[in-house]
């Protein structure tokens, strides 16, 4: 999508501090970290939100979930981490491109919001 900031990051039109990248996904440091480690994991395919996921996206989202543990290990999150997806206005989704926040390196509290 032409006006999507995460699509522009995935296309290297906007620089980011990349943690992991392959042909399907990109992981980069969040510009407003909420924990000592706070990265975003995005598919390179534009999907606006969880509400826009289609059956054909099942493999891609499953792929993302299988890569989380590898990304967490590369960031030395050996004591655990939190994986978050915000959906919609009430869910505090601020960028209309599905993404997952991976947070760690501190004791996270509950409830989160």
N, C-alpha and C. Protein backbone atom coordinates (compact mmCIF):
# COMPACT_ATOMS: atom_id res chain seq x y z
N UNK A 1 0.84 -1.18 0.00
CA UNK A 1 0.00 0.00 0.00
C UNK A 1 0.88 1.24 0.00
N UNK A 2 0.61 2.15 -0.86
CA UNK A 2 1.49 3.30 -1.13
C UNK A 2 1.69 4.23 0.06
N UNK A 3 0.69 4.43 0.90
CA UNK A 3 0.82 5.39 1.99
C UNK A 3 1.07 4.73 3.35
N UNK A 4 1.37 3.45 3.37
CA UNK A 4 1.58 2.71 4.62
C UNK A 4 3.05 2.83 5.05
N UNK A 5 3.27 3.36 6.25
CA UNK A 5 4.63 3.55 6.74
C UNK A 5 5.38 2.23 6.88
N UNK A 6 4.69 1.16 7.31
CA UNK A 6 5.37 -0.12 7.47
C UNK A 6 5.70 -0.74 6.11
N UNK A 7 4.85 -0.54 5.12
CA UNK A 7 5.19 -0.99 3.76
C UNK A 7 6.43 -0.26 3.27
N UNK A 8 6.52 1.03 3.55
CA UNK A 8 7.68 1.81 3.14
C UNK A 8 8.94 1.35 3.86
N UNK A 9 8.81 0.97 5.12
CA UNK A 9 9.95 0.42 5.86
C UNK A 9 10.35 -0.92 5.25
N UNK A 10 9.38 -1.76 4.95
CA UNK A 10 9.67 -3.08 4.35
C UNK A 10 10.33 -2.94 2.98
N UNK A 11 9.98 -1.89 2.25
CA UNK A 11 10.54 -1.65 0.92
C UNK A 11 11.84 -0.84 0.98
N UNK A 12 12.31 -0.53 2.19
CA UNK A 12 13.55 0.22 2.41
C UNK A 12 13.46 1.68 1.93
N UNK A 13 12.25 2.19 1.81
CA UNK A 13 12.07 3.60 1.48
C UNK A 13 12.28 4.47 2.73
N UNK A 14 12.06 3.87 3.88
CA UNK A 14 12.28 4.52 5.18
C UNK A 14 13.24 3.63 5.96
N UNK A 15 14.31 4.20 6.51
CA UNK A 15 15.27 3.36 7.24
C UNK A 15 14.71 2.86 8.56
N UNK A 16 15.23 1.72 9.00
CA UNK A 16 14.88 1.16 10.30
C UNK A 16 16.08 0.41 10.85
N UNK A 17 16.05 0.15 12.13
CA UNK A 17 17.10 -0.61 12.79
C UNK A 17 16.68 -2.08 12.78
N UNK A 18 17.08 -2.79 11.74
CA UNK A 18 16.61 -4.15 11.49
C UNK A 18 17.26 -5.15 12.44
N UNK A 19 16.42 -6.04 12.97
CA UNK A 19 16.86 -7.14 13.82
C UNK A 19 16.88 -8.43 13.02
N UNK A 20 15.87 -8.63 12.18
CA UNK A 20 15.76 -9.85 11.37
C UNK A 20 14.98 -9.51 10.10
N UNK A 21 15.38 -10.16 9.01
CA UNK A 21 14.65 -9.99 7.76
C UNK A 21 14.82 -11.22 6.91
N UNK A 22 13.75 -11.60 6.25
CA UNK A 22 13.80 -12.61 5.20
C UNK A 22 12.81 -12.20 4.12
N UNK A 23 12.46 -13.08 3.23
CA UNK A 23 11.59 -12.70 2.12
C UNK A 23 10.14 -12.47 2.52
N UNK A 24 9.74 -12.91 3.75
CA UNK A 24 8.35 -12.80 4.18
C UNK A 24 8.10 -11.76 5.27
N UNK A 25 9.10 -11.56 6.13
CA UNK A 25 8.88 -10.70 7.29
C UNK A 25 10.07 -9.77 7.54
N UNK A 26 9.81 -8.75 8.34
CA UNK A 26 10.84 -7.83 8.78
C UNK A 26 10.62 -7.57 10.27
N UNK A 27 11.70 -7.53 11.01
CA UNK A 27 11.65 -7.21 12.44
C UNK A 27 12.63 -6.07 12.69
N UNK A 28 12.14 -5.02 13.35
CA UNK A 28 12.97 -3.85 13.60
C UNK A 28 12.62 -3.23 14.94
N UNK A 29 13.55 -2.44 15.47
CA UNK A 29 13.36 -1.79 16.76
C UNK A 29 12.26 -0.72 16.68
N UNK A 30 11.41 -0.70 17.71
CA UNK A 30 10.36 0.30 17.82
C UNK A 30 10.99 1.65 18.15
N UNK A 31 10.47 2.71 17.53
CA UNK A 31 11.00 4.06 17.78
C UNK A 31 10.59 4.62 19.14
N UNK A 32 9.57 4.04 19.76
CA UNK A 32 9.10 4.48 21.08
C UNK A 32 9.05 3.27 22.00
N UNK A 33 10.21 2.74 22.39
CA UNK A 33 10.23 1.49 23.14
C UNK A 33 9.55 1.59 24.50
N UNK A 34 8.79 0.54 24.82
CA UNK A 34 8.09 0.45 26.10
C UNK A 34 8.75 -0.54 27.05
N UNK A 35 9.88 -1.08 26.64
CA UNK A 35 10.66 -2.02 27.44
C UNK A 35 12.10 -1.92 26.93
N UNK A 36 13.06 -2.44 27.70
CA UNK A 36 14.45 -2.40 27.23
C UNK A 36 14.64 -3.03 25.84
N UNK A 37 13.90 -4.09 25.57
CA UNK A 37 13.83 -4.65 24.21
C UNK A 37 12.40 -4.48 23.74
N UNK A 38 12.22 -3.80 22.62
CA UNK A 38 10.89 -3.61 22.03
C UNK A 38 11.08 -3.54 20.52
N UNK A 39 10.71 -4.63 19.86
CA UNK A 39 10.81 -4.70 18.41
C UNK A 39 9.43 -4.95 17.82
N UNK A 40 9.31 -4.63 16.55
CA UNK A 40 8.08 -4.88 15.80
C UNK A 40 8.37 -5.94 14.75
N UNK A 41 7.44 -6.86 14.61
CA UNK A 41 7.54 -7.91 13.59
C UNK A 41 6.39 -7.68 12.63
N UNK A 42 6.71 -7.49 11.35
CA UNK A 42 5.68 -7.22 10.35
C UNK A 42 5.82 -8.18 9.17
N UNK A 43 4.70 -8.54 8.56
CA UNK A 43 4.80 -9.25 7.29
C UNK A 43 5.10 -8.21 6.20
N UNK A 44 5.81 -8.62 5.18
CA UNK A 44 6.06 -7.71 4.07
C UNK A 44 4.81 -7.52 3.23
N UNK A 45 3.90 -8.46 3.29
CA UNK A 45 2.61 -8.32 2.63
C UNK A 45 1.75 -7.37 3.46
N UNK A 46 1.09 -6.43 2.80
CA UNK A 46 0.23 -5.51 3.53
C UNK A 46 -1.08 -6.20 3.91
N UNK A 47 -1.31 -6.27 5.21
CA UNK A 47 -2.59 -6.70 5.79
C UNK A 47 -2.88 -5.63 6.83
N UNK A 48 -4.01 -4.98 6.73
CA UNK A 48 -4.28 -3.82 7.59
C UNK A 48 -4.36 -4.18 9.08
N UNK A 49 -5.05 -5.25 9.43
CA UNK A 49 -5.21 -5.61 10.85
C UNK A 49 -5.63 -7.07 10.95
N UNK A 50 -5.75 -7.56 12.17
CA UNK A 50 -6.24 -8.92 12.37
C UNK A 50 -7.63 -9.10 11.77
N UNK A 51 -8.41 -8.03 11.74
CA UNK A 51 -9.75 -8.10 11.16
C UNK A 51 -9.72 -8.27 9.64
N UNK A 52 -8.56 -8.05 9.03
CA UNK A 52 -8.43 -8.16 7.58
C UNK A 52 -7.72 -9.44 7.14
N UNK A 53 -7.36 -10.29 8.08
CA UNK A 53 -6.70 -11.55 7.74
C UNK A 53 -7.66 -12.44 6.95
N UNK A 54 -7.15 -13.01 5.87
CA UNK A 54 -7.93 -13.90 5.01
C UNK A 54 -7.38 -15.32 5.13
N UNK A 55 -8.18 -16.31 4.73
CA UNK A 55 -7.70 -17.70 4.80
C UNK A 55 -6.33 -17.90 4.13
N UNK A 56 -6.08 -17.19 3.05
CA UNK A 56 -4.79 -17.35 2.36
C UNK A 56 -3.61 -16.77 3.16
N UNK A 57 -3.89 -16.04 4.24
CA UNK A 57 -2.84 -15.47 5.08
C UNK A 57 -2.43 -16.41 6.21
N UNK A 58 -3.10 -17.54 6.33
CA UNK A 58 -2.84 -18.47 7.42
C UNK A 58 -1.38 -18.93 7.46
N UNK A 59 -0.82 -19.28 6.33
CA UNK A 59 0.56 -19.74 6.28
C UNK A 59 1.53 -18.63 6.71
N UNK A 60 1.30 -17.43 6.23
CA UNK A 60 2.17 -16.30 6.57
C UNK A 60 2.13 -16.00 8.06
N UNK A 61 0.95 -15.96 8.65
CA UNK A 61 0.85 -15.67 10.08
C UNK A 61 1.42 -16.81 10.92
N UNK A 62 1.22 -18.04 10.46
CA UNK A 62 1.85 -19.17 11.14
C UNK A 62 3.36 -19.09 11.07
N UNK A 63 3.86 -18.65 9.93
CA UNK A 63 5.30 -18.48 9.76
C UNK A 63 5.84 -17.45 10.75
N UNK A 64 5.13 -16.34 10.87
CA UNK A 64 5.56 -15.31 11.84
C UNK A 64 5.63 -15.91 13.24
N UNK A 65 4.62 -16.65 13.63
CA UNK A 65 4.59 -17.23 14.97
C UNK A 65 5.76 -18.19 15.20
N UNK A 66 6.17 -18.91 14.16
CA UNK A 66 7.29 -19.83 14.33
C UNK A 66 8.63 -19.11 14.40
N UNK A 67 8.71 -17.89 13.88
CA UNK A 67 9.96 -17.12 13.91
C UNK A 67 10.13 -16.34 15.21
N UNK A 68 9.05 -16.14 15.97
CA UNK A 68 9.13 -15.34 17.20
C UNK A 68 10.18 -15.88 18.15
N UNK A 69 10.21 -17.19 18.36
CA UNK A 69 11.16 -17.75 19.32
C UNK A 69 12.60 -17.54 18.88
N UNK A 70 12.85 -17.59 17.58
CA UNK A 70 14.20 -17.36 17.06
C UNK A 70 14.61 -15.90 17.23
N UNK A 71 13.69 -14.99 16.96
CA UNK A 71 13.97 -13.57 17.15
C UNK A 71 14.20 -13.27 18.63
N UNK A 72 13.35 -13.83 19.49
CA UNK A 72 13.51 -13.64 20.94
C UNK A 72 14.86 -14.16 21.40
N UNK A 73 15.28 -15.31 20.90
CA UNK A 73 16.58 -15.87 21.28
C UNK A 73 17.72 -14.97 20.81
N UNK A 74 17.59 -14.41 19.61
CA UNK A 74 18.65 -13.53 19.09
C UNK A 74 18.76 -12.25 19.92
N UNK A 75 17.67 -11.87 20.57
CA UNK A 75 17.65 -10.68 21.43
C UNK A 75 17.93 -11.01 22.89
N UNK A 76 18.27 -12.28 23.15
CA UNK A 76 18.62 -12.77 24.49
C UNK A 76 17.49 -12.57 25.49
N UNK A 77 16.28 -12.91 25.08
CA UNK A 77 15.12 -12.80 25.97
C UNK A 77 14.89 -14.14 26.67
N UNK A 78 15.93 -14.64 27.32
CA UNK A 78 15.90 -15.96 27.92
C UNK A 78 14.96 -16.07 29.12
N UNK A 79 14.60 -14.95 29.76
CA UNK A 79 13.69 -14.99 30.91
C UNK A 79 12.23 -14.79 30.52
N UNK A 80 11.96 -14.72 29.23
CA UNK A 80 10.59 -14.55 28.77
C UNK A 80 10.39 -13.23 28.05
N UNK A 81 9.22 -13.11 27.49
CA UNK A 81 8.88 -11.93 26.69
C UNK A 81 7.38 -11.87 26.52
N UNK A 82 6.92 -10.77 25.97
CA UNK A 82 5.50 -10.60 25.66
C UNK A 82 5.38 -10.31 24.17
N UNK A 83 4.40 -10.96 23.54
CA UNK A 83 4.08 -10.72 22.14
C UNK A 83 2.68 -10.13 22.09
N UNK A 84 2.54 -8.94 21.48
CA UNK A 84 1.27 -8.21 21.49
C UNK A 84 0.87 -7.83 20.07
N UNK A 85 -0.42 -7.96 19.80
CA UNK A 85 -0.99 -7.42 18.56
C UNK A 85 -2.15 -6.53 18.95
N UNK A 86 -2.12 -5.29 18.51
CA UNK A 86 -3.22 -4.36 18.75
C UNK A 86 -4.10 -4.33 17.51
N UNK A 87 -5.41 -4.34 17.72
CA UNK A 87 -6.35 -4.35 16.59
C UNK A 87 -7.44 -3.31 16.80
N UNK A 88 -7.52 -2.39 15.85
CA UNK A 88 -8.58 -1.39 15.88
C UNK A 88 -8.32 -0.25 16.84
N UNK A 89 -9.23 0.71 16.81
CA UNK A 89 -9.08 1.93 17.59
C UNK A 89 -9.04 1.64 19.09
N UNK A 90 -9.99 0.86 19.61
CA UNK A 90 -10.00 0.56 21.03
C UNK A 90 -8.82 -0.32 21.44
N UNK A 91 -8.28 -1.07 20.50
CA UNK A 91 -7.11 -1.89 20.77
C UNK A 91 -5.80 -1.12 20.66
N UNK A 92 -5.90 0.18 20.36
CA UNK A 92 -4.75 1.08 20.25
C UNK A 92 -3.84 0.76 19.06
N UNK A 93 -4.42 0.26 17.96
CA UNK A 93 -3.64 0.06 16.74
C UNK A 93 -3.44 1.42 16.09
N UNK A 94 -2.19 1.84 15.98
CA UNK A 94 -1.90 3.17 15.44
C UNK A 94 -1.40 3.14 14.00
N UNK A 95 -0.90 2.00 13.55
CA UNK A 95 -0.46 1.84 12.16
C UNK A 95 -1.32 0.74 11.54
N UNK A 96 -1.93 1.06 10.42
CA UNK A 96 -2.85 0.12 9.77
C UNK A 96 -2.10 -0.87 8.88
N UNK A 97 -1.22 -1.63 9.52
CA UNK A 97 -0.47 -2.72 8.91
C UNK A 97 -0.25 -3.70 10.05
N UNK A 98 -0.74 -4.90 9.92
CA UNK A 98 -0.65 -5.86 11.01
C UNK A 98 0.80 -5.97 11.49
N UNK A 99 0.98 -5.95 12.79
CA UNK A 99 2.31 -6.06 13.36
C UNK A 99 2.21 -6.59 14.78
N UNK A 100 3.32 -7.13 15.22
CA UNK A 100 3.41 -7.73 16.54
C UNK A 100 4.54 -7.06 17.30
N UNK A 101 4.24 -6.64 18.52
CA UNK A 101 5.24 -6.05 19.40
C UNK A 101 5.86 -7.19 20.21
N UNK A 102 7.17 -7.28 20.21
CA UNK A 102 7.90 -8.24 21.02
C UNK A 102 8.66 -7.43 22.06
N UNK A 103 8.29 -7.63 23.33
CA UNK A 103 8.85 -6.84 24.43
C UNK A 103 9.52 -7.74 25.46
N UNK A 104 10.62 -7.27 26.02
CA UNK A 104 11.28 -8.06 27.05
C UNK A 104 12.42 -7.32 27.71
N UNK A 105 13.17 -8.07 28.51
CA UNK A 105 14.32 -7.60 29.30
C UNK A 105 13.90 -6.78 30.51
N UNK A 106 12.64 -6.96 30.94
CA UNK A 106 12.21 -6.43 32.23
C UNK A 106 10.98 -7.24 32.64
N UNK A 107 10.65 -7.20 33.91
CA UNK A 107 9.45 -7.86 34.41
C UNK A 107 8.24 -7.07 33.91
N UNK A 108 7.40 -7.71 33.12
CA UNK A 108 6.21 -7.06 32.58
C UNK A 108 5.04 -7.26 33.53
N UNK A 109 4.21 -6.26 33.65
CA UNK A 109 3.09 -6.31 34.60
C UNK A 109 1.80 -6.68 33.89
N UNK A 110 0.79 -7.02 34.72
CA UNK A 110 -0.53 -7.37 34.21
C UNK A 110 -1.57 -6.76 35.13
N UNK A 111 -2.65 -6.19 34.66
CA UNK A 111 -3.03 -6.09 33.26
C UNK A 111 -2.21 -5.03 32.54
N UNK A 112 -2.05 -5.20 31.21
CA UNK A 112 -1.19 -4.30 30.47
C UNK A 112 -1.79 -2.93 30.18
N UNK A 113 -3.11 -2.79 30.13
CA UNK A 113 -3.66 -1.50 29.75
C UNK A 113 -4.79 -1.17 30.60
